[in-house]
Amino acid sequence: MEGRLNISKSDIKFVRSLQHKKYRDESGCFVAEGDKCVGELLGYFELEKMFRADELSAKQLEQLSALRSPQGAVAVFKKREQELPSLSSLSCELTLVLDGVQDPGNLGTIIRTADWFGVKRIICSRDTADCYNPKVVQATMGALARVSVFYTDLPDVLSRNKATAQIPVYGTLLNGRNMYQNGAICRSDDDAGVSGLLIMGNEGNGISVSVREYITYPLFIPSYPAGAKTSESLNVAVATAVVLAEMRR
């Protein structure tokens, strides 16, 4: 049956507008698609509107969706209102810090990877991609429900950490220490796991100079075999997964 749900032009216009950060910021809303992704976010974010595929005509679903092959539900959620956590609250856990990660697919994959490895909070520079970008939301596959993402001035936070909290700061650098060597990563004696801030940088330029100076434990992911000709670098999402896997080992 065609058009079982009466959707107004304003509904379609509103949902489509959420593809753009300007309107996400103005409305305080974001859009998620697919039964799994929407189902994961329910209960963690306030639901504003829900459009189910079995209630829509193919044309209506296509008008609402940003996907090439739309399927399942399309939902509009309210963004979380949350304050940046204090440094003291981060001292006993592993927190991911992203410096200028631009690609929405990379950010979404990083959030999903953080969720897998039990990282509950990600602190981003202001020029990092918006975690509520539909491409990011889609790539997280619902992990955004369990991982809180914050945006701030990274040098300010890191300078305060250096002056007061002194939480270990890890970062991936070409001149860093082989992360598989003993002592490259500080591990607690009580098996509580690695704590600290792990900084991952921009896809093309790595960690910015203004942030790099605060790294206390520079890490390098060695290629294999040593000395062989390989790709110049790893994708930032892949590199994040490799380092988190080693830190959780």
C-alpha atoms as a PDB file:
ATOM      1  CA  MET A   1       0.000   0.000   0.000  1.00  0.00           C
ATOM      2  CA  GLU A   2       1.474   3.326  -1.082  1.00  0.00           C
ATOM      3  CA  GLY A   3       1.766   6.268   1.300  1.00  0.00           C
ATOM      4  CA  ARG A   4       0.346   4.617   4.412  1.00  0.00           C
ATOM      5  CA  LEU A   5       1.911   7.318   6.582  1.00  0.00           C
ATOM      6  CA  ASN A   6       1.035  10.890   5.779  1.00  0.00           C
ATOM      7  CA  ILE A   7       4.343  12.763   5.827  1.00  0.00           C
ATOM      8  CA  SER A   8       4.260  16.501   5.310  1.00  0.00           C
ATOM      9  CA  LYS A   9       6.669  18.419   3.126  1.00  0.00           C
ATOM     10  CA  SER A  10       7.901  20.169   6.271  1.00  0.00           C
ATOM     11  CA  ASP A  11       8.787  16.790   7.819  1.00  0.00           C
ATOM     12  CA  ILE A  12      10.811  15.843   4.754  1.00  0.00           C
ATOM     13  CA  LYS A  13      12.466  19.256   4.627  1.00  0.00           C
ATOM     14  CA  PHE A  14      13.367  19.090   8.327  1.00  0.00           C
ATOM     15  CA  VAL A  15      14.865  15.601   8.149  1.00  0.00           C
ATOM     16  CA  ARG A  16      16.821  16.477   5.024  1.00  0.00           C
ATOM     17  CA  SER A  17      18.107  19.689   6.632  1.00  0.00           C
ATOM     18  CA  LEU A  18      19.829  17.601   9.322  1.00  0.00           C
ATOM     19  CA  GLN A  19      22.398  16.544   6.735  1.00  0.00           C
ATOM     20  CA  HIS A  20      23.946  19.963   7.439  1.00  0.00           C
ATOM     21  CA  LYS A  21      25.714  20.912  10.672  1.00  0.00           C
ATOM     22  CA  LYS A  22      24.178  24.391  10.692  1.00  0.00           C
ATOM     23  CA  TYR A  23      20.674  22.974  11.047  1.00  0.00           C
ATOM     24  CA  ARG A  24      21.741  20.250  13.474  1.00  0.00           C
ATOM     25  CA  ASP A  25      23.175  22.972  15.699  1.00  0.00           C
ATOM     26  CA  GLU A  26      20.100  25.182  15.341  1.00  0.00           C
ATOM     27  CA  SER A  27      17.601  22.422  16.071  1.00  0.00           C
ATOM     28  CA  GLY A  28      19.682  20.403  18.509  1.00  0.00           C
ATOM     29  CA  CYS A  29      18.714  17.292  16.555  1.00  0.00           C
ATOM     30  CA  PHE A  30      20.352  14.652  14.389  1.00  0.00           C
ATOM     31  CA  VAL A  31      19.127  11.841  12.143  1.00  0.00           C
ATOM     32  CA  ALA A  32      19.849   8.109  12.263  1.00  0.00           C
ATOM     33  CA  GLU A  33      18.900   5.422   9.756  1.00  0.00           C
ATOM     34  CA  GLY A  34      18.484   1.656   9.768  1.00  0.00           C
ATOM     35  CA  ASP A  35      16.739  -0.586  12.271  1.00  0.00           C
ATOM     36  CA  LYS A  36      19.932  -1.594  14.099  1.00  0.00           C
ATOM     37  CA  CYS A  37      21.393   1.892  14.426  1.00  0.00           C
ATOM     38  CA  VAL A  38      18.069   3.452  15.451  1.00  0.00           C
ATOM     39  CA  GLY A  39      17.353   0.588  17.860  1.00  0.00           C
ATOM     40  CA  GLU A  40      20.729   1.028  19.581  1.00  0.00           C
ATOM     41  CA  LEU A  41      20.152   4.761  20.089  1.00  0.00           C
ATOM     42  CA  LEU A  42      16.647   4.416  21.527  1.00  0.00           C
ATOM     43  CA  GLY A  43      16.778   4.874  25.281  1.00  0.00           C
ATOM     44  CA  TYR A  44      20.066   6.782  25.140  1.00  0.00           C
ATOM     45  CA  PHE A  45      18.849   9.786  23.162  1.00  0.00           C
ATOM     46  CA  GLU A  46      15.496  11.530  23.334  1.00  0.00           C
ATOM     47  CA  LEU A  47      13.413  10.540  20.301  1.00  0.00           C
ATOM     48  CA  GLU A  48      11.936  13.459  18.371  1.00  0.00           C
ATOM     49  CA  LYS A  49      10.423  11.731  15.310  1.00  0.00           C
ATOM     50  CA  MET A  50      10.291   8.173  13.980  1.00  0.00           C
ATOM     51  CA  PHE A  51       9.487   7.048  10.443  1.00  0.00           C
ATOM     52  CA  ARG A  52       9.303   3.276   9.882  1.00  0.00           C
ATOM     53  CA  ALA A  53       9.986   1.758   6.470  1.00  0.00           C
ATOM     54  CA  ASP A  54       6.876  -0.448   6.591  1.00  0.00           C
ATOM     55  CA  GLU A  55       4.738   2.670   7.059  1.00  0.00           C
ATOM     56  CA  LEU A  56       6.272   4.526   4.117  1.00  0.00           C
ATOM     57  CA  SER A  57       6.078   4.319   0.385  1.00  0.00           C
ATOM     58  CA  ALA A  58       9.365   3.723  -1.443  1.00  0.00           C
ATOM     59  CA  LYS A  59       9.251   7.327  -2.651  1.00  0.00           C
ATOM     60  CA  GLN A  60       8.722   8.723   0.858  1.00  0.00           C
ATOM     61  CA  LEU A  61      11.593   6.663   2.236  1.00  0.00           C
ATOM     62  CA  GLU A  62      13.849   7.845  -0.565  1.00  0.00           C
ATOM     63  CA  GLN A  63      12.916  11.475   0.152  1.00  0.00           C
ATOM     64  CA  LEU A  64      13.760  11.101   3.841  1.00  0.00           C
ATOM     65  CA  SER A  65      16.929   9.068   3.489  1.00  0.00           C
ATOM     66  CA  ALA A  66      20.488  10.146   2.714  1.00  0.00           C
ATOM     67  CA  LEU A  67      21.500   6.585   1.827  1.00  0.00           C
ATOM     68  CA  ARG A  68      21.801   5.233  -1.712  1.00  0.00           C
ATOM     69  CA  SER A  69      19.800   2.175  -0.707  1.00  0.00           C
ATOM     70  CA  PRO A  70      17.548   3.312   2.152  1.00  0.00           C
ATOM     71  CA  GLN A  71      16.110   0.646   4.414  1.00  0.00           C
ATOM     72  CA  GLY A  72      14.609   0.331   7.842  1.00  0.00           C
ATOM     73  CA  ALA A  73      13.651   3.193  10.117  1.00  0.00           C
ATOM     74  CA  VAL A  74      14.583   6.853   9.857  1.00  0.00           C
ATOM     75  CA  ALA A  75      14.629   8.580  13.243  1.00  0.00           C
ATOM     76  CA  VAL A  76      15.313  12.073  14.527  1.00  0.00           C
ATOM     77  CA  PHE A  77      16.920  12.295  17.985  1.00  0.00           C
ATOM     78  CA  LYS A  78      17.812  15.149  20.289  1.00  0.00           C
ATOM     79  CA  LYS A  79      21.557  15.658  20.736  1.00  0.00           C
ATOM     80  CA  ARG A  80      22.988  15.123  24.202  1.00  0.00           C
ATOM     81  CA  GLU A  81      23.606  18.136  26.398  1.00  0.00           C
ATOM     82  CA  GLN A  82      26.794  17.292  28.273  1.00  0.00           C
ATOM     83  CA  GLU A  83      29.727  19.094  29.813  1.00  0.00           C
ATOM     84  CA  LEU A  84      33.378  18.263  29.308  1.00  0.00           C
ATOM     85  CA  PRO A  85      34.452  15.913  32.142  1.00  0.00           C
ATOM     86  CA  SER A  86      36.949  17.156  34.702  1.00  0.00           C
ATOM     87  CA  LEU A  87      40.548  15.978  34.428  1.00  0.00           C
ATOM     88  CA  SER A  88      40.308  14.279  37.805  1.00  0.00           C
ATOM     89  CA  SER A  89      37.451  12.119  36.539  1.00  0.00           C
ATOM     90  CA  LEU A  90      39.641  10.945  33.648  1.00  0.00           C
ATOM     91  CA  SER A  91      42.638   9.936  35.737  1.00  0.00           C
ATOM     92  CA  CYS A  92      41.659   6.292  36.198  1.00  0.00           C
ATOM     93  CA  GLU A  93      40.395   5.476  32.725  1.00  0.00           C
ATOM     94  CA  LEU A  94      41.551   5.419  29.121  1.00  0.00           C
ATOM     95  CA  THR A  95      40.228   8.368  27.134  1.00  0.00           C
ATOM     96  CA  LEU A  96      40.603   8.881  23.405  1.00  0.00           C
ATOM     97  CA  VAL A  97      41.573  12.349  22.122  1.00  0.00           C
ATOM     98  CA  LEU A  98      41.117  13.231  18.437  1.00  0.00           C
ATOM     99  CA  ASP A  99      43.062  16.097  16.910  1.00  0.00           C
ATOM    100  CA  GLY A 100      41.596  17.226  13.597  1.00  0.00           C
ATOM    101  CA  VAL A 101      40.139  13.937  12.326  1.00  0.00           C
ATOM    102  CA  GLN A 102      38.228  15.137   9.282  1.00  0.00           C
ATOM    103  CA  ASP A 103      36.661  12.158   7.550  1.00  0.00           C
ATOM    104  CA  PRO A 104      33.191  11.242   8.887  1.00  0.00           C
ATOM    105  CA  GLY A 105      33.743   7.575   8.055  1.00  0.00           C
ATOM    106  CA  ASN A 106      36.960   7.547  10.066  1.00  0.00           C
ATOM    107  CA  LEU A 107      35.307   9.225  13.041  1.00  0.00           C
ATOM    108  CA  GLY A 108      32.377   6.824  12.976  1.00  0.00           C
ATOM    109  CA  THR A 109      34.705   3.832  12.833  1.00  0.00           C
ATOM    110  CA  ILE A 110      36.808   5.223  15.683  1.00  0.00           C
ATOM    111  CA  ILE A 111      33.710   5.664  17.870  1.00  0.00           C
ATOM    112  CA  ARG A 112      32.645   2.095  17.085  1.00  0.00           C
ATOM    113  CA  THR A 113      36.167   0.836  17.856  1.00  0.00           C
ATOM    114  CA  ALA A 114      36.262   2.794  21.126  1.00  0.00           C
ATOM    115  CA  ASP A 115      32.992   1.154  22.127  1.00  0.00           C
ATOM    116  CA  TRP A 116      34.465  -2.306  21.444  1.00  0.00           C
ATOM    117  CA  PHE A 117      37.504  -1.610  23.606  1.00  0.00           C
ATOM    118  CA  GLY A 118      35.566  -0.090  26.494  1.00  0.00           C
ATOM    119  CA  VAL A 119      36.506   3.564  25.930  1.00  0.00           C
ATOM    120  CA  LYS A 120      33.564   5.578  27.178  1.00  0.00           C
ATOM    121  CA  ARG A 121      34.674   9.124  26.325  1.00  0.00           C
ATOM    122  CA  ILE A 122      36.276  10.795  23.334  1.00  0.00           C
ATOM    123  CA  ILE A 123      37.528  14.384  23.490  1.00  0.00           C
ATOM    124  CA  CYS A 124      37.849  16.114  20.109  1.00  0.00           C
ATOM    125  CA  SER A 125      39.420  19.285  18.795  1.00  0.00           C
ATOM    126  CA  ARG A 126      36.906  21.778  17.451  1.00  0.00           C
ATOM    127  CA  ASP A 127      37.980  21.041  13.861  1.00  0.00           C
ATOM    128  CA  THR A 128      37.273  17.320  14.172  1.00  0.00           C
ATOM    129  CA  ALA A 129      34.264  16.096  12.172  1.00  0.00           C
ATOM    130  CA  ASP A 130      30.857  16.427  13.838  1.00  0.00           C
ATOM    131  CA  CYS A 131      29.891  13.196  15.607  1.00  0.00           C
ATOM    132  CA  TYR A 132      26.242  13.868  14.662  1.00  0.00           C
ATOM    133  CA  ASN A 133      26.996  13.995  10.939  1.00  0.00           C
ATOM    134  CA  PRO A 134      24.705  11.316   9.405  1.00  0.00           C
ATOM    135  CA  LYS A 135      27.709   9.529   7.872  1.00  0.00           C
ATOM    136  CA  VAL A 136      29.367   9.383  11.301  1.00  0.00           C
ATOM    137  CA  VAL A 137      26.183   8.174  12.996  1.00  0.00           C
ATOM    138  CA  GLN A 138      25.780   5.473  10.348  1.00  0.00           C
ATOM    139  CA  ALA A 139      29.396   4.312  10.672  1.00  0.00           C
ATOM    140  CA  THR A 140      29.112   3.984  14.472  1.00  0.00           C
ATOM    141  CA  MET A 141      26.383   1.329  14.078  1.00  0.00           C
ATOM    142  CA  GLY A 142      24.835   2.551  17.323  1.00  0.00           C
ATOM    143  CA  ALA A 143      28.059   2.855  19.336  1.00  0.00           C
ATOM    144  CA  LEU A 144      27.272   6.559  19.803  1.00  0.00           C
ATOM    145  CA  ALA A 145      24.771   5.383  22.419  1.00  0.00           C
ATOM    146  CA  ARG A 146      27.550   4.265  24.749  1.00  0.00           C
ATOM    147  CA  VAL A 147      30.440   6.586  23.854  1.00  0.00           C
ATOM    148  CA  SER A 148      30.236  10.261  24.841  1.00  0.00           C
ATOM    149  CA  VAL A 149      31.931  12.706  22.464  1.00  0.00           C
ATOM    150  CA  PHE A 150      33.063  16.185  23.521  1.00  0.00           C
ATOM    151  CA  TYR A 151      34.520  19.127  21.575  1.00  0.00           C
ATOM    152  CA  THR A 152      36.946  21.597  23.117  1.00  0.00           C
ATOM    153  CA  ASP A 153      40.215  23.476  22.789  1.00  0.00           C
ATOM    154  CA  LEU A 154      42.740  20.651  23.114  1.00  0.00           C
ATOM    155  CA  PRO A 155      45.867  22.714  23.957  1.00  0.00           C
ATOM    156  CA  ASP A 156      43.935  24.334  26.812  1.00  0.00           C
ATOM    157  CA  VAL A 157      42.860  20.982  28.276  1.00  0.00           C
ATOM    158  CA  LEU A 158      46.302  19.443  27.825  1.00  0.00           C
ATOM    159  CA  SER A 159      48.100  22.412  29.357  1.00  0.00           C
ATOM    160  CA  ARG A 160      45.873  22.165  32.434  1.00  0.00           C
ATOM    161  CA  ASN A 161      46.609  18.464  32.616  1.00  0.00           C
ATOM    162  CA  LYS A 162      50.345  19.167  32.496  1.00  0.00           C
ATOM    163  CA  ALA A 163      50.045  21.744  35.278  1.00  0.00           C
ATOM    164  CA  THR A 164      47.727  19.826  37.601  1.00  0.00           C
ATOM    165  CA  ALA A 165      46.414  16.344  36.882  1.00  0.00           C
ATOM    166  CA  GLN A 166      49.472  14.987  35.062  1.00  0.00           C
ATOM    167  CA  ILE A 167      47.563  12.140  33.436  1.00  0.00           C
ATOM    168  CA  PRO A 168      49.816  10.173  31.044  1.00  0.00           C
ATOM    169  CA  VAL A 169      49.413  11.435  27.480  1.00  0.00           C
ATOM    170  CA  TYR A 170      50.060   8.992  24.641  1.00  0.00           C
ATOM    171  CA  GLY A 171      50.252   9.937  20.989  1.00  0.00           C
ATOM    172  CA  THR A 172      51.258   8.228  17.751  1.00  0.00           C
ATOM    173  CA  LEU A 173      54.328   9.838  16.153  1.00  0.00           C
ATOM    174  CA  LEU A 174      56.770   8.658  13.498  1.00  0.00           C
ATOM    175  CA  ASN A 175      59.638   9.301  15.910  1.00  0.00           C
ATOM    176  CA  GLY A 176      57.865   7.632  18.827  1.00  0.00           C
ATOM    177  CA  ARG A 177      58.905   4.520  20.704  1.00  0.00           C
ATOM    178  CA  ASN A 178      57.968   1.087  19.372  1.00  0.00           C
ATOM    179  CA  MET A 179      54.739   0.514  21.252  1.00  0.00           C
ATOM    180  CA  TYR A 180      55.456  -3.210  21.661  1.00  0.00           C
ATOM    181  CA  GLN A 181      58.639  -2.569  23.650  1.00  0.00           C
ATOM    182  CA  ASN A 182      58.501  -2.935  27.417  1.00  0.00           C
ATOM    183  CA  GLY A 183      57.843   0.404  29.081  1.00  0.00           C
ATOM    184  CA  ALA A 184      56.439   2.128  25.996  1.00  0.00           C
ATOM    185  CA  ILE A 185      52.984   1.858  27.571  1.00  0.00           C
ATOM    186  CA  CYS A 186      52.576   2.253  31.335  1.00  0.00           C
ATOM    187  CA  ARG A 187      50.709  -0.729  32.723  1.00  0.00           C
ATOM    188  CA  SER A 188      49.443  -0.830  36.300  1.00  0.00           C
ATOM    189  CA  ASP A 189      50.661  -3.520  38.681  1.00  0.00           C
ATOM    190  CA  ASP A 190      47.155  -4.342  39.896  1.00  0.00           C
ATOM    191  CA  ASP A 191      45.872  -5.406  36.462  1.00  0.00           C
ATOM    192  CA  ALA A 192      43.527  -2.408  36.361  1.00  0.00           C
ATOM    193  CA  GLY A 193      44.545  -1.698  32.795  1.00  0.00           C
ATOM    194  CA  VAL A 194      46.110   1.261  31.029  1.00  0.00           C
ATOM    195  CA  SER A 195      44.806   4.717  31.918  1.00  0.00           C
ATOM    196  CA  GLY A 196      45.580   8.055  30.324  1.00  0.00           C
ATOM    197  CA  LEU A 197      44.835  10.120  27.243  1.00  0.00           C
ATOM    198  CA  LEU A 198      45.496   8.614  23.805  1.00  0.00           C
ATOM    199  CA  ILE A 199      45.834  11.241  21.057  1.00  0.00           C
ATOM    200  CA  MET A 200      45.249  10.362  17.410  1.00  0.00           C
ATOM    201  CA  GLY A 201      45.824  12.978  14.720  1.00  0.00           C
ATOM    202  CA  ASN A 202      44.628  14.288  11.384  1.00  0.00           C
ATOM    203  CA  GLU A 203      44.565  11.959   8.369  1.00  0.00           C
ATOM    204  CA  GLY A 204      47.154  13.910   6.406  1.00  0.00           C
ATOM    205  CA  ASN A 205      49.166  15.871   8.955  1.00  0.00           C
ATOM    206  CA  GLY A 206      49.025  13.742  12.080  1.00  0.00           C
ATOM    207  CA  ILE A 207      48.986  15.390  15.501  1.00  0.00           C
ATOM    208  CA  SER A 208      49.303  19.188  15.344  1.00  0.00           C
ATOM    209  CA  VAL A 209      52.390  20.924  16.719  1.00  0.00           C
ATOM    210  CA  SER A 210      50.349  22.737  19.379  1.00  0.00           C
ATOM    211  CA  VAL A 211      49.085  19.397  20.734  1.00  0.00           C
ATOM    212  CA  ARG A 212      52.214  17.315  20.148  1.00  0.00           C
ATOM    213  CA  GLU A 213      54.200  19.160  22.810  1.00  0.00           C
ATOM    214  CA  TYR A 214      51.979  17.711  25.546  1.00  0.00           C
ATOM    215  CA  ILE A 215      52.611  14.064  24.649  1.00  0.00           C
ATOM    216  CA  THR A 216      54.535  12.340  27.432  1.00  0.00           C
ATOM    217  CA  TYR A 217      54.608   8.874  25.857  1.00  0.00           C
ATOM    218  CA  PRO A 218      55.154   9.076  22.067  1.00  0.00           C
ATOM    219  CA  LEU A 219      54.254   5.767  20.403  1.00  0.00           C
ATOM    220  CA  PHE A 220      55.173   4.284  17.047  1.00  0.00           C
ATOM    221  CA  ILE A 221      53.337   1.396  15.371  1.00  0.00           C
ATOM    222  CA  PRO A 222      56.076  -0.617  13.659  1.00  0.00           C
ATOM    223  CA  SER A 223      55.496  -2.118  10.224  1.00  0.00           C
ATOM    224  CA  TYR A 224      56.367  -5.730   9.456  1.00  0.00           C
ATOM    225  CA  PRO A 225      58.908  -6.939   8.665  1.00  0.00           C
ATOM    226  CA  ALA A 226      61.247  -4.256   9.990  1.00  0.00           C
ATOM    227  CA  GLY A 227      62.984  -2.321   7.228  1.00  0.00           C
ATOM    228  CA  ALA A 228      60.707  -3.570   4.424  1.00  0.00           C
ATOM    229  CA  LYS A 229      59.130  -1.114   1.989  1.00  0.00           C
ATOM    230  CA  THR A 230      55.501  -0.595   3.012  1.00  0.00           C
ATOM    231  CA  SER A 231      52.727   1.962   2.762  1.00  0.00           C
ATOM    232  CA  GLU A 232      53.664   5.370   4.127  1.00  0.00           C
ATOM    233  CA  SER A 233      51.182   5.256   6.991  1.00  0.00           C
ATOM    234  CA  LEU A 234      48.096   3.589   8.433  1.00  0.00           C
ATOM    235  CA  ASN A 235      44.576   4.936   8.183  1.00  0.00           C
ATOM    236  CA  VAL A 236      43.822   6.782  11.450  1.00  0.00           C
ATOM    237  CA  ALA A 237      40.864   4.540  12.316  1.00  0.00           C
ATOM    238  CA  VAL A 238      42.975   1.410  11.763  1.00  0.00           C
ATOM    239  CA  ALA A 239      45.849   2.903  13.777  1.00  0.00           C
ATOM    240  CA  THR A 240      43.454   3.683  16.627  1.00  0.00           C
ATOM    241  CA  ALA A 241      42.259   0.078  16.670  1.00  0.00           C
ATOM    242  CA  VAL A 242      45.842  -1.251  16.699  1.00  0.00           C
ATOM    243  CA  VAL A 243      46.904   0.950  19.627  1.00  0.00           C
ATOM    244  CA  LEU A 244      43.739   0.328  21.656  1.00  0.00           C
ATOM    245  CA  ALA A 245      44.131  -3.418  21.153  1.00  0.00           C
ATOM    246  CA  GLU A 246      47.668  -3.262  22.537  1.00  0.00           C
ATOM    247  CA  MET A 247      46.635  -1.041  25.451  1.00  0.00           C
ATOM    248  CA  ARG A 248      43.839  -3.459  26.387  1.00  0.00           C
ATOM    249  CA  ARG A 249      46.069  -6.542  26.050  1.00  0.00           C
END
